[in-house]
């Protein structure tokens, strides 16, 4: 593990004020009774302000489950899960909804309303804060930041895949959340569009000093992260900087070729 990384899997506790997310001894189960199955095991994790953290791992390893728990889309009942200084374990549905208002979400399926323009899709996020008066201005400002000033009045059908995902990013960022959660945001994009979208997220994270946690299988974008965490069979197996990860996997590939030869 990178010794310069202040947040570690099983390291010392970090004060809540310095982290967007603190997870301690978190376990999670699906089902009940004889069908009850544990999918997350003793997760300990800290995500600091301004970091981009990419979570990798095989399909079915629990990545999306952990992401949705951090995003208050599921209820945790064992361990501790603090998001933006608020303990989520034990909270009711209404309280979780309030927490979600302070988090930006970006998904593989951009989930735009096809009948609304780009600006109107972003305005809907502004309305959640009760700010109806300046919603158009704020929507236009953030669309300009993501390079879509000239597409504000276009509906999704008239936008490319990369442009749609930029609208989704604008919607996630318009309320200046301290935490952004992204689930496979580049999966439906070609190499160039995917790279542009992630570099944009990196730039905005730095400007807004927000934390981004991104689940991805896209190895092309790993080097934009500050940290890579690997979740395997519901357990955090690694927490390292991108170069460590890339070097380790290159060495494995080289060993494999040497063995075959």
Protein backbone atom coordinates (compact mmCIF):
# COMPACT_ATOMS: atom_id res chain seq x y z
CA UNK A 1 0.00 0.00 0.00
CA UNK A 2 1.13 3.51 -0.69
CA UNK A 3 2.46 4.90 2.57
CA UNK A 4 1.49 8.41 1.52
CA UNK A 5 -2.18 7.47 1.36
CA UNK A 6 -3.67 8.70 4.65
CA UNK A 7 -6.76 6.49 4.54
CA UNK A 8 -6.18 2.77 4.84
CA UNK A 9 -8.27 -0.37 4.89
CA UNK A 10 -7.53 -1.25 8.52
CA UNK A 11 -5.60 1.82 9.58
CA UNK A 12 -6.14 4.31 12.38
CA UNK A 13 -9.40 6.16 12.73
CA UNK A 14 -9.59 9.45 10.86
CA UNK A 15 -11.71 12.29 12.31
CA UNK A 16 -15.03 12.68 10.50
CA UNK A 17 -14.25 16.26 9.57
CA UNK A 18 -11.37 15.14 7.35
CA UNK A 19 -13.27 12.46 5.44
CA UNK A 20 -16.35 12.43 3.27
CA UNK A 21 -16.92 8.76 4.07
CA UNK A 22 -15.89 6.60 7.02
CA UNK A 23 -16.74 2.91 7.03
CA UNK A 24 -15.97 0.71 10.04
CA UNK A 25 -16.60 -3.06 10.38
CA UNK A 26 -19.46 -2.92 7.90
CA UNK A 27 -21.26 -6.18 7.09
CA UNK A 28 -24.20 -6.57 4.77
CA UNK A 29 -26.58 -9.42 4.04
CA UNK A 30 -29.18 -10.17 1.38
CA UNK A 31 -32.32 -12.17 2.17
CA UNK A 32 -33.68 -13.58 5.39
CA UNK A 33 -33.79 -16.87 7.25
CA UNK A 34 -32.29 -19.81 5.39
CA UNK A 35 -31.79 -17.61 2.32
CA UNK A 36 -29.73 -15.03 4.18
CA UNK A 37 -26.38 -14.52 2.49
CA UNK A 38 -23.54 -12.24 3.52
CA UNK A 39 -22.20 -10.14 0.63
CA UNK A 40 -19.94 -7.63 2.42
CA UNK A 41 -17.46 -8.60 5.13
CA UNK A 42 -15.87 -6.26 7.71
CA UNK A 43 -15.41 -3.31 5.36
CA UNK A 44 -13.15 -0.56 6.71
CA UNK A 45 -12.58 2.42 4.44
CA UNK A 46 -12.00 6.18 4.49
CA UNK A 47 -12.56 8.49 1.53
CA UNK A 48 -11.04 11.94 1.87
CA UNK A 49 -12.14 15.26 0.45
CA UNK A 50 -10.89 15.94 -3.07
CA UNK A 51 -9.91 12.34 -3.84
CA UNK A 52 -10.95 10.29 -6.85
CA UNK A 53 -11.15 6.68 -5.74
CA UNK A 54 -11.80 3.88 -8.22
CA UNK A 55 -13.23 0.59 -6.96
CA UNK A 56 -12.45 -2.48 -9.03
CA UNK A 57 -13.16 -6.18 -8.67
CA UNK A 58 -14.87 -9.12 -10.37
CA UNK A 59 -18.57 -9.02 -11.20
CA UNK A 60 -20.65 -10.03 -8.19
CA UNK A 61 -18.01 -9.00 -5.67
CA UNK A 62 -20.25 -6.44 -3.96
CA UNK A 63 -19.02 -3.20 -5.54
CA UNK A 64 -22.43 -1.81 -6.46
CA UNK A 65 -23.85 -2.94 -3.11
CA UNK A 66 -21.18 -0.97 -1.25
CA UNK A 67 -21.71 2.03 -3.51
CA UNK A 68 -25.47 2.04 -2.86
CA UNK A 69 -24.95 1.71 0.90
CA UNK A 70 -22.63 4.73 0.88
CA UNK A 71 -25.19 6.56 -1.27
CA UNK A 72 -27.98 5.89 1.27
CA UNK A 73 -29.88 3.89 -1.36
CA UNK A 74 -29.85 0.86 0.95
CA UNK A 75 -30.02 0.59 4.72
CA UNK A 76 -27.01 -0.79 6.59
CA UNK A 77 -27.61 -2.54 9.91
CA UNK A 78 -24.18 -3.75 11.09
CA UNK A 79 -21.07 -1.69 11.70
CA UNK A 80 -20.66 2.03 11.16
CA UNK A 81 -21.13 4.04 7.98
CA UNK A 82 -20.63 7.79 8.23
CA UNK A 83 -21.30 9.87 5.13
CA UNK A 84 -20.63 13.62 5.23
CA UNK A 85 -20.44 13.40 9.00
CA UNK A 86 -23.80 11.59 9.43
CA UNK A 87 -24.08 8.04 10.74
CA UNK A 88 -26.30 6.09 8.32
CA UNK A 89 -26.63 2.81 10.20
CA UNK A 90 -30.04 2.69 11.81
CA UNK A 91 -31.53 5.63 9.90
CA UNK A 92 -35.09 5.43 8.58
CA UNK A 93 -36.20 5.92 4.97
CA UNK A 94 -37.00 9.63 5.34
CA UNK A 95 -33.62 10.40 6.91
CA UNK A 96 -31.80 8.49 4.16
CA UNK A 97 -33.65 10.56 1.56
CA UNK A 98 -32.31 13.73 3.19
CA UNK A 99 -28.76 12.35 3.07
CA UNK A 100 -29.14 11.58 -0.64
CA UNK A 101 -29.91 15.23 -1.37
CA UNK A 102 -26.25 16.00 -0.59
CA UNK A 103 -24.80 13.31 -2.88
CA UNK A 104 -24.37 13.38 -6.67
CA UNK A 105 -25.06 10.14 -8.56
CA UNK A 106 -23.78 9.16 -12.01
CA UNK A 107 -24.74 5.80 -13.52
CA UNK A 108 -23.90 3.82 -16.65
CA UNK A 109 -27.45 4.43 -17.85
CA UNK A 110 -27.51 8.20 -17.65
CA UNK A 111 -31.23 8.15 -16.70
CA UNK A 112 -32.11 11.37 -18.48
CA UNK A 113 -35.73 12.24 -19.16
CA UNK A 114 -36.08 11.95 -22.93
CA UNK A 115 -38.93 14.49 -23.07
CA UNK A 116 -36.86 17.20 -21.36
CA UNK A 117 -33.97 19.27 -22.67
CA UNK A 118 -30.47 19.02 -21.23
CA UNK A 119 -31.08 22.17 -19.18
CA UNK A 120 -34.43 20.91 -17.89
CA UNK A 121 -32.86 17.61 -16.81
CA UNK A 122 -30.31 19.53 -14.79
CA UNK A 123 -32.93 21.95 -13.44
CA UNK A 124 -34.79 19.03 -11.85
CA UNK A 125 -31.82 18.43 -9.57
CA UNK A 126 -31.82 22.09 -8.55
CA UNK A 127 -35.53 21.85 -7.70
CA UNK A 128 -34.74 19.16 -5.11
CA UNK A 129 -33.05 21.86 -3.04
CA UNK A 130 -36.14 24.07 -3.24
CA UNK A 131 -34.34 26.67 -5.34
CA UNK A 132 -36.85 27.29 -8.13
CA UNK A 133 -35.95 30.92 -8.81
CA UNK A 134 -32.41 30.48 -10.16
CA UNK A 135 -32.61 26.94 -11.51
CA UNK A 136 -32.20 27.89 -15.18
CA UNK A 137 -29.16 30.05 -14.45
CA UNK A 138 -27.48 27.32 -12.42
CA UNK A 139 -28.26 24.70 -15.06
CA UNK A 140 -26.75 26.82 -17.81
CA UNK A 141 -23.64 27.57 -15.75
CA UNK A 142 -22.86 23.91 -15.04
CA UNK A 143 -23.63 22.84 -18.62
CA UNK A 144 -21.13 25.43 -19.79
CA UNK A 145 -18.56 23.94 -17.41
CA UNK A 146 -18.99 20.49 -18.96
CA UNK A 147 -18.75 21.91 -22.47
CA UNK A 148 -22.43 21.83 -23.39
CA UNK A 149 -23.36 25.52 -23.37
CA UNK A 150 -24.58 25.20 -26.95
CA UNK A 151 -26.60 22.05 -26.20
CA UNK A 152 -28.70 23.33 -23.30
CA UNK A 153 -31.95 23.21 -25.29
CA UNK A 154 -31.26 19.86 -26.99
CA UNK A 155 -33.18 16.78 -25.92
CA UNK A 156 -31.25 13.54 -25.23
CA UNK A 157 -32.20 12.01 -28.58
CA UNK A 158 -30.16 14.75 -30.27
CA UNK A 159 -27.06 14.18 -28.12
CA UNK A 160 -24.22 11.68 -28.48
CA UNK A 161 -23.49 9.13 -25.76
CA UNK A 162 -20.65 11.24 -24.39
CA UNK A 163 -22.81 14.36 -24.37
CA UNK A 164 -25.61 12.54 -22.52
CA UNK A 165 -23.13 11.44 -19.87
CA UNK A 166 -21.89 15.05 -19.59
CA UNK A 167 -25.48 16.13 -18.89
CA UNK A 168 -25.65 13.42 -16.19
CA UNK A 169 -22.40 14.77 -14.71
CA UNK A 170 -23.79 18.31 -14.80
CA UNK A 171 -26.92 17.11 -13.01
CA UNK A 172 -24.80 15.39 -10.35
CA UNK A 173 -22.62 18.47 -9.80
CA UNK A 174 -25.12 21.32 -10.06
CA UNK A 175 -25.84 21.40 -6.32
CA UNK A 176 -22.11 21.27 -5.48
CA UNK A 177 -22.23 17.99 -3.52
CA UNK A 178 -19.28 17.01 -1.36
CA UNK A 179 -19.59 13.40 -2.56
CA UNK A 180 -20.18 11.95 -6.03
CA UNK A 181 -20.85 8.25 -6.60
CA UNK A 182 -20.41 6.87 -10.11
CA UNK A 183 -21.30 3.32 -11.23
CA UNK A 184 -19.64 2.34 -14.54
CA UNK A 185 -19.92 5.89 -15.97
CA UNK A 186 -17.83 5.05 -19.06
CA UNK A 187 -19.15 1.57 -19.85
CA UNK A 188 -21.39 2.71 -22.72
CA UNK A 189 -18.84 5.13 -24.19
CA UNK A 190 -16.06 4.70 -26.72
CA UNK A 191 -12.44 5.16 -25.64
CA UNK A 192 -12.20 8.86 -26.48
CA UNK A 193 -15.57 9.84 -24.97
CA UNK A 194 -14.93 7.78 -21.85
CA UNK A 195 -11.56 9.39 -21.33
CA UNK A 196 -12.98 12.88 -21.79
CA UNK A 197 -15.79 12.22 -19.30
CA UNK A 198 -13.42 10.95 -16.61
CA UNK A 199 -10.92 13.78 -17.11
CA UNK A 200 -13.82 16.19 -16.75
CA UNK A 201 -14.83 14.53 -13.47
CA UNK A 202 -11.21 14.77 -12.30
CA UNK A 203 -11.05 18.48 -13.10
CA UNK A 204 -14.33 19.27 -11.36
CA UNK A 205 -13.40 17.20 -8.31
CA UNK A 206 -10.29 19.31 -7.91
CA UNK A 207 -12.14 22.59 -8.45
CA UNK A 208 -14.99 21.75 -6.06
CA UNK A 209 -12.86 19.74 -3.58
CA UNK A 210 -15.41 16.93 -3.63
CA UNK A 211 -14.83 13.20 -3.28
CA UNK A 212 -15.57 10.87 -6.19
CA UNK A 213 -16.01 7.12 -5.69
CA UNK A 214 -16.26 5.34 -9.02
CA UNK A 215 -16.98 1.67 -9.74
CA UNK A 216 -15.53 0.58 -13.06
CA UNK A 217 -14.18 -2.33 -15.09
CA UNK A 218 -12.61 0.14 -17.53
CA UNK A 219 -8.84 -0.28 -17.19
CA UNK A 220 -8.29 2.62 -19.60
CA UNK A 221 -9.16 5.20 -16.94
CA UNK A 222 -7.40 3.82 -13.86
CA UNK A 223 -4.57 6.37 -13.97
CA UNK A 224 -6.90 9.33 -13.30
CA UNK A 225 -7.54 8.03 -9.77
CA UNK A 226 -5.74 8.98 -6.58
CA UNK A 227 -6.43 5.51 -5.16
CA UNK A 228 -7.57 2.13 -6.39
CA UNK A 229 -9.41 -0.21 -4.06
CA UNK A 230 -10.09 -3.82 -5.00
CA UNK A 231 -13.18 -5.61 -3.70
CA UNK A 232 -13.15 -9.40 -4.07
CA UNK A 233 -15.92 -11.67 -2.76
CA UNK A 234 -17.19 -8.91 -0.49
CA UNK A 235 -13.81 -8.13 1.06
CA UNK A 236 -11.42 -5.24 0.47
CA UNK A 237 -8.28 -6.92 -0.82
CA UNK A 238 -6.15 -3.93 -1.79
CA UNK A 239 -5.87 -0.16 -1.45
CA UNK A 240 -3.07 1.27 -3.55
CA UNK A 241 -2.09 4.05 -5.89
CA UNK A 242 -2.75 3.55 -9.61
CA UNK A 243 0.89 3.00 -10.57
CA UNK A 244 1.26 0.20 -8.01
CA UNK A 245 -1.82 -1.48 -9.46
CA UNK A 246 -0.69 -1.08 -13.07
CA UNK A 247 2.84 -2.30 -12.29
CA UNK A 248 1.54 -5.34 -10.42
CA UNK A 249 -0.79 -6.36 -13.23
CA UNK A 250 1.91 -5.79 -15.85
CA UNK A 251 4.23 -8.06 -13.86
CA UNK A 252 1.55 -10.75 -13.68
CA UNK A 253 1.03 -10.54 -17.43
CA UNK A 254 4.79 -10.79 -18.01
CA UNK A 255 5.07 -13.80 -15.70
CA UNK A 256 2.25 -15.47 -17.60
CA UNK A 257 4.00 -14.97 -20.93
CA UNK A 258 7.28 -16.28 -19.55
CA UNK A 259 5.51 -19.36 -18.18
CA UNK A 260 3.87 -20.04 -21.54
CA UNK A 261 7.22 -19.68 -23.32
